[in-house]
Amino acid sequence: MNTYKAILFDLDETLLDRDRAVDHLFFIILEKYYKDLSDASKVHMLKVFKNYDKNSYGISDKSKVFSSFFHDFPPNIAMPATDTQEFWNHYFPRCFSIDEETLTLLQLIKKKVKIGIITNGTVRRQKAKIINTGLDAIFKQIIISEEVDCWKPDSHIFHLALNTLKVEAEETLFVGDDLTKDILGCQNVKMKGIWFNPHKKINDTHIKPFGEIQTLGSLLRYLD
């Protein structure tokens, strides 16, 4: 018998494939600012761009990503330095997509338990991602770190979500890809953390998730 009353989800790299969105954004940059590049050059440039993005993950200001990348690969058409942050804010949320199978799964889970999202990030970008992918039609309880002025793994943001959904920590699962921010964070308030690990990474930390899944569909076994 299902003993859980709620499931809370991380957004980036859990419900949404951020890595694929970065690829999409990179090709928009190529289309707008570069000409006549070989395939080999594109592959190399993408690797460098993703490395700069990785180093800036969790940082709101993305201007350094562009300045570093354009320094390494001078564009044919220059982007004004003052436009870089607005470019990211405008285009990046539109680079996210979600498949119908995932949306159908979330609707099914919603029939069984309460659901919500806790995500670190800026209100503008995170809300745009949620709206552009149709997740706003499914999730009504969404907590964005900038909006509440606290960030995972801070216990306060998890308590806010529990209070919003009116559930107890012990009857709530949290699903996320980050062992520290998501799993340790939720476990610190007595939630059960489910590690979303589609790429089968090795857990070389002291953090022990309650469960581990490679697909979101595997969550259904916790609700039977």
N, C-alpha and C. Protein backbone atom coordinates (compact mmCIF):
# COMPACT_ATOMS: atom_id res chain seq x y z
N MET A 1 0.85 -1.20 0.00
CA MET A 1 0.00 0.00 0.00
C MET A 1 0.89 1.25 0.00
N ASN A 2 0.55 2.22 -0.83
CA ASN A 2 1.33 3.46 -0.94
C ASN A 2 1.21 4.27 0.35
N THR A 3 2.36 4.61 0.92
CA THR A 3 2.37 5.40 2.15
C THR A 3 2.77 6.84 1.90
N TYR A 4 3.03 7.20 0.65
CA TYR A 4 3.48 8.55 0.33
C TYR A 4 2.31 9.41 -0.12
N LYS A 5 2.36 10.66 0.30
CA LYS A 5 1.30 11.59 -0.05
C LYS A 5 1.75 12.68 -1.02
N ALA A 6 3.08 12.78 -1.25
CA ALA A 6 3.57 13.84 -2.13
C ALA A 6 4.91 13.45 -2.73
N ILE A 7 5.16 13.97 -3.94
CA ILE A 7 6.48 13.87 -4.57
C ILE A 7 6.88 15.27 -5.02
N LEU A 8 8.05 15.69 -4.60
CA LEU A 8 8.62 16.96 -5.04
C LEU A 8 9.75 16.69 -6.02
N PHE A 9 9.87 17.54 -7.02
CA PHE A 9 10.85 17.34 -8.09
C PHE A 9 11.80 18.53 -8.19
N ASP A 10 13.05 18.22 -8.49
CA ASP A 10 13.99 19.20 -9.02
C ASP A 10 13.59 19.48 -10.47
N LEU A 11 14.07 20.59 -11.03
CA LEU A 11 13.72 20.92 -12.41
C LEU A 11 14.82 20.56 -13.40
N ASP A 12 15.95 21.28 -13.37
CA ASP A 12 17.02 21.08 -14.34
C ASP A 12 17.73 19.76 -14.13
N GLU A 13 17.86 19.00 -15.21
CA GLU A 13 18.49 17.68 -15.23
C GLU A 13 17.69 16.61 -14.52
N THR A 14 16.46 16.94 -14.14
CA THR A 14 15.55 15.94 -13.60
C THR A 14 14.30 15.90 -14.47
N LEU A 15 13.45 16.91 -14.36
CA LEU A 15 12.30 16.98 -15.26
C LEU A 15 12.71 17.46 -16.65
N LEU A 16 13.71 18.34 -16.70
CA LEU A 16 14.15 18.91 -17.98
C LEU A 16 15.60 18.57 -18.24
N ASP A 17 15.91 18.31 -19.51
CA ASP A 17 17.27 17.97 -19.92
C ASP A 17 18.04 19.25 -20.22
N ARG A 18 18.75 19.74 -19.22
CA ARG A 18 19.48 20.99 -19.39
C ARG A 18 20.64 20.85 -20.37
N ASP A 19 21.28 19.70 -20.36
CA ASP A 19 22.42 19.48 -21.25
C ASP A 19 22.00 19.62 -22.71
N ARG A 20 20.87 19.07 -23.05
CA ARG A 20 20.36 19.17 -24.42
C ARG A 20 19.99 20.62 -24.75
N ALA A 21 19.49 21.35 -23.77
CA ALA A 21 19.14 22.75 -23.99
C ALA A 21 20.39 23.59 -24.26
N VAL A 22 21.50 23.28 -23.57
CA VAL A 22 22.75 24.00 -23.82
C VAL A 22 23.23 23.75 -25.25
N ASP A 23 23.08 22.51 -25.73
CA ASP A 23 23.41 22.22 -27.14
C ASP A 23 22.60 23.11 -28.07
N HIS A 24 21.32 23.21 -27.80
CA HIS A 24 20.41 24.01 -28.63
C HIS A 24 20.83 25.47 -28.64
N LEU A 25 21.13 25.99 -27.46
CA LEU A 25 21.56 27.39 -27.35
C LEU A 25 22.85 27.62 -28.13
N PHE A 26 23.78 26.69 -28.05
CA PHE A 26 25.05 26.82 -28.77
C PHE A 26 24.81 26.96 -30.27
N PHE A 27 23.91 26.18 -30.82
CA PHE A 27 23.67 26.26 -32.26
C PHE A 27 22.94 27.54 -32.66
N ILE A 28 22.19 28.11 -31.75
CA ILE A 28 21.61 29.43 -32.01
C ILE A 28 22.74 30.47 -32.09
N ILE A 29 23.70 30.36 -31.20
CA ILE A 29 24.86 31.27 -31.21
C ILE A 29 25.63 31.13 -32.51
N LEU A 30 25.85 29.89 -32.94
CA LEU A 30 26.56 29.68 -34.21
C LEU A 30 25.82 30.33 -35.37
N GLU A 31 24.52 30.12 -35.40
CA GLU A 31 23.71 30.64 -36.52
C GLU A 31 23.74 32.16 -36.57
N LYS A 32 23.76 32.80 -35.42
CA LYS A 32 23.67 34.25 -35.38
C LYS A 32 25.02 34.96 -35.51
N TYR A 33 26.09 34.32 -35.04
CA TYR A 33 27.35 35.06 -34.91
C TYR A 33 28.55 34.46 -35.63
N TYR A 34 28.37 33.29 -36.25
CA TYR A 34 29.49 32.66 -36.93
C TYR A 34 29.12 32.24 -38.36
N LYS A 35 30.14 32.14 -39.21
CA LYS A 35 29.92 31.73 -40.60
C LYS A 35 31.01 30.74 -41.02
N ASP A 36 30.63 29.82 -41.91
CA ASP A 36 31.58 28.94 -42.60
C ASP A 36 32.51 28.18 -41.66
N LEU A 37 31.91 27.49 -40.71
CA LEU A 37 32.69 26.68 -39.79
C LEU A 37 32.66 25.21 -40.21
N SER A 38 33.77 24.53 -40.05
CA SER A 38 33.80 23.10 -40.34
C SER A 38 33.10 22.33 -39.22
N ASP A 39 32.70 21.12 -39.53
CA ASP A 39 32.05 20.29 -38.51
C ASP A 39 33.00 20.03 -37.33
N ALA A 40 34.26 19.84 -37.63
CA ALA A 40 35.24 19.60 -36.58
C ALA A 40 35.36 20.81 -35.65
N SER A 41 35.32 22.00 -36.25
CA SER A 41 35.38 23.23 -35.45
C SER A 41 34.15 23.34 -34.54
N LYS A 42 32.99 23.00 -35.06
CA LYS A 42 31.76 23.08 -34.27
C LYS A 42 31.81 22.13 -33.08
N VAL A 43 32.32 20.94 -33.32
CA VAL A 43 32.42 19.96 -32.23
C VAL A 43 33.34 20.47 -31.13
N HIS A 44 34.48 21.02 -31.52
CA HIS A 44 35.43 21.55 -30.55
C HIS A 44 34.85 22.74 -29.80
N MET A 45 34.20 23.64 -30.54
CA MET A 45 33.64 24.84 -29.92
C MET A 45 32.53 24.48 -28.94
N LEU A 46 31.72 23.49 -29.30
CA LEU A 46 30.64 23.06 -28.40
C LEU A 46 31.22 22.53 -27.09
N LYS A 47 32.28 21.76 -27.18
CA LYS A 47 32.92 21.22 -25.98
C LYS A 47 33.41 22.34 -25.07
N VAL A 48 34.02 23.36 -25.67
CA VAL A 48 34.53 24.50 -24.90
C VAL A 48 33.38 25.29 -24.29
N PHE A 49 32.34 25.53 -25.08
CA PHE A 49 31.18 26.29 -24.59
C PHE A 49 30.53 25.58 -23.41
N LYS A 50 30.39 24.27 -23.50
CA LYS A 50 29.74 23.52 -22.42
C LYS A 50 30.61 23.51 -21.17
N ASN A 51 31.90 23.56 -21.35
CA ASN A 51 32.79 23.63 -20.19
C ASN A 51 32.64 24.97 -19.47
N TYR A 52 32.57 26.06 -20.24
CA TYR A 52 32.34 27.37 -19.62
C TYR A 52 30.98 27.41 -18.93
N ASP A 53 29.98 26.81 -19.57
CA ASP A 53 28.65 26.77 -18.95
C ASP A 53 28.68 25.98 -17.65
N LYS A 54 29.37 24.85 -17.67
CA LYS A 54 29.47 24.02 -16.46
C LYS A 54 30.11 24.79 -15.32
N ASN A 55 31.14 25.56 -15.64
CA ASN A 55 31.84 26.32 -14.60
C ASN A 55 30.98 27.45 -14.03
N SER A 56 29.97 27.87 -14.78
CA SER A 56 29.11 28.96 -14.32
C SER A 56 27.77 28.46 -13.78
N TYR A 57 27.62 27.13 -13.70
CA TYR A 57 26.33 26.57 -13.27
C TYR A 57 26.00 27.05 -11.86
N GLY A 58 24.79 27.54 -11.71
CA GLY A 58 24.36 28.06 -10.42
C GLY A 58 24.63 29.54 -10.24
N ILE A 59 25.32 30.15 -11.20
CA ILE A 59 25.60 31.58 -11.16
C ILE A 59 24.62 32.29 -12.11
N SER A 60 23.92 33.27 -11.60
CA SER A 60 22.89 33.94 -12.40
C SER A 60 23.47 34.70 -13.59
N ASP A 61 24.57 35.39 -13.38
CA ASP A 61 25.18 36.21 -14.42
C ASP A 61 25.97 35.32 -15.37
N LYS A 62 25.53 35.23 -16.63
CA LYS A 62 26.18 34.37 -17.61
C LYS A 62 27.09 35.13 -18.56
N SER A 63 27.35 36.40 -18.29
CA SER A 63 28.17 37.20 -19.20
C SER A 63 29.58 36.63 -19.34
N LYS A 64 30.10 36.03 -18.28
CA LYS A 64 31.46 35.48 -18.35
C LYS A 64 31.54 34.31 -19.31
N VAL A 65 30.46 33.54 -19.41
CA VAL A 65 30.43 32.43 -20.36
C VAL A 65 30.67 32.96 -21.77
N PHE A 66 29.93 34.02 -22.13
CA PHE A 66 30.06 34.59 -23.47
C PHE A 66 31.41 35.26 -23.68
N SER A 67 31.86 36.04 -22.71
CA SER A 67 33.12 36.77 -22.89
C SER A 67 34.28 35.79 -23.05
N SER A 68 34.28 34.72 -22.29
CA SER A 68 35.35 33.72 -22.39
C SER A 68 35.27 32.99 -23.73
N PHE A 69 34.06 32.61 -24.12
CA PHE A 69 33.88 31.87 -25.37
C PHE A 69 34.25 32.73 -26.58
N PHE A 70 33.78 33.97 -26.61
CA PHE A 70 34.08 34.85 -27.74
C PHE A 70 35.55 35.25 -27.77
N HIS A 71 36.20 35.24 -26.62
CA HIS A 71 37.64 35.49 -26.60
C HIS A 71 38.39 34.34 -27.27
N ASP A 72 37.94 33.12 -27.00
CA ASP A 72 38.58 31.94 -27.60
C ASP A 72 38.24 31.80 -29.08
N PHE A 73 37.02 32.17 -29.44
CA PHE A 73 36.55 32.01 -30.81
C PHE A 73 35.89 33.31 -31.27
N PRO A 74 36.68 34.26 -31.74
CA PRO A 74 36.12 35.55 -32.16
C PRO A 74 35.03 35.36 -33.23
N PRO A 75 33.85 35.92 -33.00
CA PRO A 75 32.74 35.73 -33.95
C PRO A 75 32.87 36.61 -35.19
N ASN A 76 32.17 36.21 -36.24
CA ASN A 76 32.12 37.05 -37.44
C ASN A 76 31.31 38.31 -37.20
N ILE A 77 30.27 38.15 -36.36
CA ILE A 77 29.41 39.29 -36.00
C ILE A 77 29.49 39.42 -34.49
N ALA A 78 29.91 40.57 -34.01
CA ALA A 78 30.12 40.74 -32.57
C ALA A 78 28.80 40.95 -31.84
N MET A 79 28.67 40.30 -30.69
CA MET A 79 27.55 40.55 -29.79
C MET A 79 27.99 41.62 -28.79
N PRO A 80 27.26 42.72 -28.69
CA PRO A 80 27.63 43.72 -27.69
C PRO A 80 27.68 43.10 -26.29
N ALA A 81 28.71 43.44 -25.54
CA ALA A 81 28.88 42.87 -24.20
C ALA A 81 27.67 43.13 -23.31
N THR A 82 27.01 44.24 -23.55
CA THR A 82 25.85 44.59 -22.72
C THR A 82 24.63 43.72 -23.03
N ASP A 83 24.69 42.98 -24.14
CA ASP A 83 23.54 42.17 -24.55
C ASP A 83 23.62 40.72 -24.11
N THR A 84 24.76 40.29 -23.57
CA THR A 84 24.95 38.87 -23.33
C THR A 84 23.97 38.29 -22.32
N GLN A 85 23.74 38.99 -21.22
CA GLN A 85 22.82 38.46 -20.21
C GLN A 85 21.39 38.40 -20.74
N GLU A 86 20.99 39.42 -21.47
CA GLU A 86 19.64 39.43 -22.04
C GLU A 86 19.48 38.32 -23.08
N PHE A 87 20.53 38.08 -23.85
CA PHE A 87 20.50 36.98 -24.83
C PHE A 87 20.24 35.66 -24.12
N TRP A 88 20.98 35.41 -23.05
CA TRP A 88 20.80 34.16 -22.29
C TRP A 88 19.39 34.09 -21.71
N ASN A 89 18.95 35.15 -21.09
CA ASN A 89 17.63 35.16 -20.46
C ASN A 89 16.51 34.92 -21.47
N HIS A 90 16.69 35.46 -22.67
CA HIS A 90 15.64 35.33 -23.69
C HIS A 90 15.66 33.95 -24.36
N TYR A 91 16.83 33.52 -24.81
CA TYR A 91 16.90 32.32 -25.64
C TYR A 91 16.98 31.02 -24.86
N PHE A 92 17.72 31.01 -23.75
CA PHE A 92 17.97 29.74 -23.09
C PHE A 92 16.69 29.05 -22.61
N PRO A 93 15.77 29.73 -21.96
CA PRO A 93 14.55 29.03 -21.55
C PRO A 93 13.77 28.43 -22.71
N ARG A 94 13.90 29.02 -23.89
CA ARG A 94 13.19 28.53 -25.08
C ARG A 94 13.88 27.33 -25.72
N CYS A 95 15.05 26.98 -25.19
CA CYS A 95 15.79 25.83 -25.71
C CYS A 95 15.38 24.52 -25.03
N PHE A 96 14.54 24.60 -24.02
CA PHE A 96 14.12 23.40 -23.30
C PHE A 96 12.88 22.78 -23.95
N SER A 97 12.82 21.47 -23.87
CA SER A 97 11.66 20.74 -24.37
C SER A 97 11.38 19.57 -23.44
N ILE A 98 10.21 19.01 -23.56
CA ILE A 98 9.84 17.85 -22.75
C ILE A 98 8.97 16.95 -23.61
N ASP A 99 9.15 15.65 -23.50
CA ASP A 99 8.39 14.74 -24.35
C ASP A 99 7.01 14.46 -23.75
N GLU A 100 6.10 14.06 -24.61
CA GLU A 100 4.72 13.80 -24.18
C GLU A 100 4.64 12.66 -23.18
N GLU A 101 5.55 11.70 -23.30
CA GLU A 101 5.55 10.57 -22.37
C GLU A 101 5.78 11.03 -20.94
N THR A 102 6.69 11.98 -20.77
CA THR A 102 6.96 12.51 -19.43
C THR A 102 5.77 13.28 -18.90
N LEU A 103 5.16 14.10 -19.75
CA LEU A 103 3.98 14.86 -19.33
C LEU A 103 2.84 13.92 -18.92
N THR A 104 2.65 12.84 -19.68
CA THR A 104 1.61 11.86 -19.35
C THR A 104 1.91 11.18 -18.02
N LEU A 105 3.18 10.84 -17.81
CA LEU A 105 3.59 10.21 -16.56
C LEU A 105 3.31 11.12 -15.37
N LEU A 106 3.65 12.40 -15.51
CA LEU A 106 3.43 13.35 -14.41
C LEU A 106 1.94 13.51 -14.11
N GLN A 107 1.11 13.49 -15.14
CA GLN A 107 -0.34 13.56 -14.92
C GLN A 107 -0.83 12.33 -14.16
N LEU A 108 -0.24 11.18 -14.47
CA LEU A 108 -0.61 9.95 -13.76
C LEU A 108 -0.19 10.02 -12.29
N ILE A 109 1.04 10.47 -12.05
CA ILE A 109 1.53 10.60 -10.67
C ILE A 109 0.66 11.59 -9.89
N LYS A 110 0.25 12.65 -10.57
CA LYS A 110 -0.57 13.69 -9.93
C LYS A 110 -1.92 13.14 -9.46
N LYS A 111 -2.40 12.10 -10.10
CA LYS A 111 -3.66 11.49 -9.67
C LYS A 111 -3.50 10.67 -8.39
N LYS A 112 -2.24 10.29 -8.11
CA LYS A 112 -1.98 9.43 -6.96
C LYS A 112 -1.53 10.21 -5.73
N VAL A 113 -0.72 11.28 -5.95
CA VAL A 113 -0.16 12.05 -4.84
C VAL A 113 -0.09 13.52 -5.22
N LYS A 114 0.15 14.36 -4.23
CA LYS A 114 0.41 15.77 -4.49
C LYS A 114 1.81 15.91 -5.10
N ILE A 115 1.97 16.90 -5.98
CA ILE A 115 3.28 17.09 -6.60
C ILE A 115 3.68 18.57 -6.58
N GLY A 116 4.98 18.80 -6.62
CA GLY A 116 5.49 20.17 -6.65
C GLY A 116 6.91 20.19 -7.18
N ILE A 117 7.42 21.38 -7.39
CA ILE A 117 8.79 21.59 -7.88
C ILE A 117 9.53 22.50 -6.91
N ILE A 118 10.78 22.14 -6.62
CA ILE A 118 11.72 23.05 -5.95
C ILE A 118 12.92 23.20 -6.86
N THR A 119 13.20 24.43 -7.28
CA THR A 119 14.31 24.64 -8.20
C THR A 119 15.15 25.85 -7.79
N ASN A 120 16.46 25.69 -7.88
CA ASN A 120 17.36 26.82 -7.74
C ASN A 120 17.39 27.59 -9.07
N GLY A 121 17.56 28.90 -8.98
CA GLY A 121 17.65 29.70 -10.21
C GLY A 121 16.88 30.99 -10.10
N THR A 122 16.90 31.75 -11.20
CA THR A 122 16.20 33.03 -11.24
C THR A 122 14.73 32.81 -11.58
N VAL A 123 13.90 33.69 -11.09
CA VAL A 123 12.47 33.58 -11.34
C VAL A 123 12.19 33.68 -12.84
N ARG A 124 12.80 34.65 -13.50
CA ARG A 124 12.51 34.85 -14.92
C ARG A 124 12.83 33.61 -15.75
N ARG A 125 14.02 33.07 -15.58
CA ARG A 125 14.44 31.95 -16.42
C ARG A 125 13.70 30.67 -16.06
N GLN A 126 13.54 30.40 -14.76
CA GLN A 126 12.89 29.15 -14.36
C GLN A 126 11.41 29.15 -14.74
N LYS A 127 10.74 30.27 -14.55
CA LYS A 127 9.33 30.34 -14.93
C LYS A 127 9.16 30.19 -16.44
N ALA A 128 10.09 30.79 -17.20
CA ALA A 128 10.01 30.68 -18.66
C ALA A 128 10.17 29.23 -19.10
N LYS A 129 11.10 28.51 -18.48
CA LYS A 129 11.28 27.09 -18.81
C LYS A 129 10.00 26.30 -18.52
N ILE A 130 9.42 26.56 -17.36
CA ILE A 130 8.23 25.83 -16.94
C ILE A 130 7.06 26.11 -17.87
N ILE A 131 6.90 27.37 -18.24
CA ILE A 131 5.80 27.74 -19.14
C ILE A 131 6.02 27.20 -20.55
N ASN A 132 7.25 27.34 -21.06
CA ASN A 132 7.55 26.91 -22.43
C ASN A 132 7.44 25.41 -22.63
N THR A 133 7.59 24.64 -21.56
CA THR A 133 7.49 23.19 -21.67
C THR A 133 6.12 22.65 -21.26
N GLY A 134 5.23 23.53 -20.85
CA GLY A 134 3.89 23.10 -20.46
C GLY A 134 3.79 22.54 -19.05
N LEU A 135 4.87 22.62 -18.29
CA LEU A 135 4.83 22.11 -16.92
C LEU A 135 3.94 22.94 -16.01
N ASP A 136 3.67 24.18 -16.40
CA ASP A 136 2.80 25.03 -15.59
C ASP A 136 1.37 24.51 -15.55
N ALA A 137 1.00 23.73 -16.57
CA ALA A 137 -0.35 23.16 -16.59
C ALA A 137 -0.48 21.97 -15.64
N ILE A 138 0.64 21.43 -15.22
CA ILE A 138 0.64 20.25 -14.34
C ILE A 138 0.96 20.63 -12.90
N PHE A 139 1.97 21.49 -12.73
CA PHE A 139 2.41 21.86 -11.39
C PHE A 139 1.85 23.22 -10.98
N LYS A 140 1.16 23.24 -9.88
CA LYS A 140 0.65 24.50 -9.32
C LYS A 140 1.51 24.97 -8.14
N GLN A 141 2.23 24.04 -7.53
CA GLN A 141 3.08 24.36 -6.40
C GLN A 141 4.54 24.36 -6.87
N ILE A 142 5.08 25.54 -7.12
CA ILE A 142 6.44 25.68 -7.65
C ILE A 142 7.20 26.68 -6.77
N ILE A 143 8.32 26.25 -6.24
CA ILE A 143 9.15 27.13 -5.42
C ILE A 143 10.48 27.37 -6.13
N ILE A 144 10.78 28.64 -6.40
CA ILE A 144 12.01 29.04 -7.09
C ILE A 144 12.88 29.78 -6.08
N SER A 145 14.14 29.39 -6.01
CA SER A 145 15.02 29.88 -4.94
C SER A 145 15.08 31.41 -4.88
N GLU A 146 15.22 32.06 -6.04
CA GLU A 146 15.34 33.52 -6.02
C GLU A 146 14.09 34.16 -5.42
N GLU A 147 12.96 33.56 -5.66
CA GLU A 147 11.69 34.13 -5.20
C GLU A 147 11.55 34.06 -3.69
N VAL A 148 12.13 33.02 -3.08
CA VAL A 148 12.00 32.84 -1.63
C VAL A 148 13.30 33.15 -0.89
N ASP A 149 14.31 33.54 -1.66
CA ASP A 149 15.60 33.97 -1.09
C ASP A 149 16.28 32.89 -0.26
N CYS A 150 16.18 31.65 -0.73
CA CYS A 150 16.99 30.57 -0.17
C CYS A 150 17.14 29.49 -1.24
N TRP A 151 18.22 28.75 -1.14
CA TRP A 151 18.61 27.84 -2.20
C TRP A 151 18.86 26.44 -1.64
N LYS A 152 18.49 25.44 -2.41
CA LYS A 152 18.89 24.08 -2.03
C LYS A 152 20.41 24.03 -1.91
N PRO A 153 20.95 23.40 -0.90
CA PRO A 153 20.32 22.44 0.03
C PRO A 153 19.81 23.03 1.34
N ASP A 154 19.60 24.33 1.41
CA ASP A 154 19.09 24.96 2.63
C ASP A 154 17.77 24.29 3.05
N SER A 155 17.70 23.87 4.29
CA SER A 155 16.50 23.18 4.79
C SER A 155 15.25 24.03 4.66
N HIS A 156 15.39 25.34 4.74
CA HIS A 156 14.22 26.23 4.73
C HIS A 156 13.40 26.07 3.46
N ILE A 157 14.06 25.89 2.32
CA ILE A 157 13.31 25.80 1.07
C ILE A 157 12.49 24.51 1.01
N PHE A 158 13.00 23.45 1.61
CA PHE A 158 12.25 22.19 1.65
C PHE A 158 11.06 22.31 2.62
N HIS A 159 11.27 22.98 3.75
CA HIS A 159 10.16 23.19 4.68
C HIS A 159 9.06 24.04 4.04
N LEU A 160 9.45 25.03 3.25
CA LEU A 160 8.46 25.85 2.55
C LEU A 160 7.58 24.98 1.65
N ALA A 161 8.21 24.07 0.93
CA ALA A 161 7.45 23.20 0.03
C ALA A 161 6.50 22.29 0.80
N LEU A 162 6.98 21.74 1.90
CA LEU A 162 6.12 20.88 2.71
C LEU A 162 4.93 21.65 3.24
N ASN A 163 5.16 22.86 3.69
CA ASN A 163 4.07 23.69 4.21
C ASN A 163 3.09 24.05 3.10
N THR A 164 3.61 24.30 1.91
CA THR A 164 2.75 24.66 0.78
C THR A 164 1.84 23.49 0.39
N LEU A 165 2.41 22.29 0.39
CA LEU A 165 1.62 21.10 0.02
C LEU A 165 0.82 20.53 1.19
N LYS A 166 1.13 21.03 2.40
CA LYS A 166 0.44 20.56 3.61
C LYS A 166 0.64 19.06 3.81
N VAL A 167 1.91 18.66 3.76
CA VAL A 167 2.27 17.25 3.99
C VAL A 167 3.45 17.20 4.96
N GLU A 168 3.66 16.02 5.53
CA GLU A 168 4.79 15.80 6.43
C GLU A 168 5.99 15.30 5.64
N ALA A 169 7.19 15.58 6.15
CA ALA A 169 8.41 15.18 5.46
C ALA A 169 8.49 13.67 5.28
N GLU A 170 8.10 12.92 6.29
CA GLU A 170 8.23 11.46 6.26
C GLU A 170 7.33 10.81 5.20
N GLU A 171 6.32 11.54 4.74
CA GLU A 171 5.42 10.97 3.73
C GLU A 171 5.66 11.60 2.36
N THR A 172 6.86 12.19 2.18
CA THR A 172 7.18 12.89 0.95
C THR A 172 8.48 12.38 0.33
N LEU A 173 8.46 12.15 -0.98
CA LEU A 173 9.66 11.82 -1.73
C LEU A 173 10.17 13.06 -2.44
N PHE A 174 11.49 13.18 -2.54
CA PHE A 174 12.07 14.24 -3.36
C PHE A 174 12.94 13.60 -4.42
N VAL A 175 12.74 14.02 -5.66
CA VAL A 175 13.46 13.43 -6.80
C VAL A 175 14.38 14.49 -7.40
N GLY A 176 15.68 14.19 -7.44
CA GLY A 176 16.63 15.14 -8.01
C GLY A 176 17.90 14.46 -8.46
N ASP A 177 18.68 15.17 -9.28
CA ASP A 177 19.90 14.60 -9.84
C ASP A 177 21.15 14.94 -9.05
N ASP A 178 21.07 15.94 -8.17
CA ASP A 178 22.25 16.41 -7.45
C ASP A 178 22.29 15.80 -6.05
N LEU A 179 23.35 15.05 -5.78
CA LEU A 179 23.42 14.33 -4.51
C LEU A 179 23.46 15.28 -3.30
N THR A 180 24.14 16.40 -3.45
CA THR A 180 24.26 17.33 -2.32
C THR A 180 23.03 18.23 -2.20
N LYS A 181 22.73 18.97 -3.27
CA LYS A 181 21.64 19.95 -3.20
C LYS A 181 20.28 19.28 -3.05
N ASP A 182 20.06 18.19 -3.76
CA ASP A 182 18.75 17.54 -3.75
C ASP A 182 18.62 16.46 -2.68
N ILE A 183 19.51 15.48 -2.73
CA ILE A 183 19.35 14.32 -1.86
C ILE A 183 19.72 14.62 -0.41
N LEU A 184 20.92 15.14 -0.18
CA LEU A 184 21.29 15.50 1.19
C LEU A 184 20.39 16.59 1.72
N GLY A 185 20.06 17.56 0.87
CA GLY A 185 19.19 18.65 1.29
C GLY A 185 17.85 18.17 1.80
N CYS A 186 17.21 17.29 1.03
CA CYS A 186 15.88 16.81 1.45
C CYS A 186 15.99 15.88 2.65
N GLN A 187 17.05 15.08 2.71
CA GLN A 187 17.20 14.16 3.83
C GLN A 187 17.43 14.89 5.15
N ASN A 188 18.00 16.08 5.06
CA ASN A 188 18.22 16.86 6.28
C ASN A 188 16.92 17.29 6.95
N VAL A 189 15.80 17.26 6.19
CA VAL A 189 14.50 17.58 6.79
C VAL A 189 13.62 16.32 6.89
N LYS A 190 14.26 15.14 6.73
CA LYS A 190 13.60 13.84 6.91
C LYS A 190 12.75 13.40 5.73
N MET A 191 12.91 14.06 4.58
CA MET A 191 12.29 13.52 3.36
C MET A 191 13.12 12.34 2.87
N LYS A 192 12.52 11.53 2.01
CA LYS A 192 13.23 10.44 1.38
C LYS A 192 13.68 10.89 -0.01
N GLY A 193 14.98 10.83 -0.24
CA GLY A 193 15.54 11.32 -1.49
C GLY A 193 15.72 10.22 -2.52
N ILE A 194 15.15 10.44 -3.70
CA ILE A 194 15.31 9.52 -4.83
C ILE A 194 16.29 10.16 -5.81
N TRP A 195 17.42 9.52 -6.00
CA TRP A 195 18.46 10.04 -6.90
C TRP A 195 18.13 9.70 -8.34
N PHE A 196 17.88 10.73 -9.15
CA PHE A 196 17.64 10.53 -10.58
C PHE A 196 19.00 10.47 -11.26
N ASN A 197 19.36 9.30 -11.75
CA ASN A 197 20.71 9.06 -12.26
C ASN A 197 20.66 8.33 -13.61
N PRO A 198 20.14 9.01 -14.65
CA PRO A 198 19.98 8.34 -15.95
C PRO A 198 21.28 7.91 -16.60
N HIS A 199 22.37 8.59 -16.25
CA HIS A 199 23.66 8.26 -16.87
C HIS A 199 24.48 7.28 -16.03
N LYS A 200 23.87 6.77 -14.98
CA LYS A 200 24.48 5.75 -14.12
C LYS A 200 25.85 6.19 -13.60
N LYS A 201 25.88 7.39 -13.06
CA LYS A 201 27.11 7.90 -12.46
C LYS A 201 27.42 7.12 -11.18
N ILE A 202 28.69 7.07 -10.85
CA ILE A 202 29.11 6.41 -9.62
C ILE A 202 28.95 7.37 -8.45
N ASN A 203 28.31 6.91 -7.41
CA ASN A 203 28.16 7.71 -6.19
C ASN A 203 29.39 7.48 -5.32
N ASP A 204 30.31 8.43 -5.37
CA ASP A 204 31.53 8.30 -4.57
C ASP A 204 31.50 9.23 -3.35
N THR A 205 30.29 9.57 -2.90
CA THR A 205 30.12 10.43 -1.73
C THR A 205 29.62 9.59 -0.55
N HIS A 206 29.51 10.25 0.59
CA HIS A 206 28.95 9.59 1.77
C HIS A 206 27.43 9.63 1.78
N ILE A 207 26.84 10.29 0.80
CA ILE A 207 25.39 10.48 0.76
C ILE A 207 24.73 9.20 0.25
N LYS A 208 23.76 8.71 0.98
CA LYS A 208 23.08 7.47 0.61
C LYS A 208 21.60 7.75 0.31
N PRO A 209 21.23 7.80 -0.97
CA PRO A 209 19.82 8.05 -1.31
C PRO A 209 18.91 6.94 -0.81
N PHE A 210 17.67 7.27 -0.58
CA PHE A 210 16.67 6.27 -0.23
C PHE A 210 16.46 5.32 -1.40
N GLY A 211 16.53 5.89 -2.62
CA GLY A 211 16.37 5.10 -3.83
C GLY A 211 17.11 5.73 -4.98
N GLU A 212 17.28 4.97 -6.05
CA GLU A 212 17.95 5.47 -7.25
C GLU A 212 17.18 5.00 -8.47
N ILE A 213 16.94 5.92 -9.42
CA ILE A 213 16.21 5.56 -10.64
C ILE A 213 16.96 6.10 -11.87
N GLN A 214 16.80 5.40 -12.97
CA GLN A 214 17.37 5.85 -14.24
C GLN A 214 16.31 6.49 -15.14
N THR A 215 15.05 6.20 -14.86
CA THR A 215 13.95 6.79 -15.62
C THR A 215 12.89 7.29 -14.65
N LEU A 216 12.20 8.36 -15.03
CA LEU A 216 11.15 8.88 -14.16
C LEU A 216 10.01 7.89 -14.02
N GLY A 217 9.81 7.05 -15.02
CA GLY A 217 8.75 6.06 -14.94
C GLY A 217 8.92 5.09 -13.79
N SER A 218 10.18 4.93 -13.35
CA SER A 218 10.46 4.01 -12.23
C SER A 218 9.86 4.51 -10.92
N LEU A 219 9.46 5.78 -10.88
CA LEU A 219 8.83 6.30 -9.65
C LEU A 219 7.53 5.58 -9.32
N LEU A 220 6.89 5.03 -10.33
CA LEU A 220 5.58 4.42 -10.10
C LEU A 220 5.66 3.25 -9.12
N ARG A 221 6.84 2.61 -9.05
CA ARG A 221 6.93 1.48 -8.11
C ARG A 221 6.87 1.91 -6.67
N TYR A 222 7.14 3.19 -6.40
CA TYR A 222 7.02 3.71 -5.03
C TYR A 222 5.58 4.07 -4.68
N LEU A 223 4.71 4.04 -5.67
CA LEU A 223 3.32 4.49 -5.46
C LEU A 223 2.32 3.35 -5.55
N ASP A 224 2.78 2.13 -5.74
CA ASP A 224 1.87 1.00 -5.84
C ASP A 224 1.33 0.61 -4.46
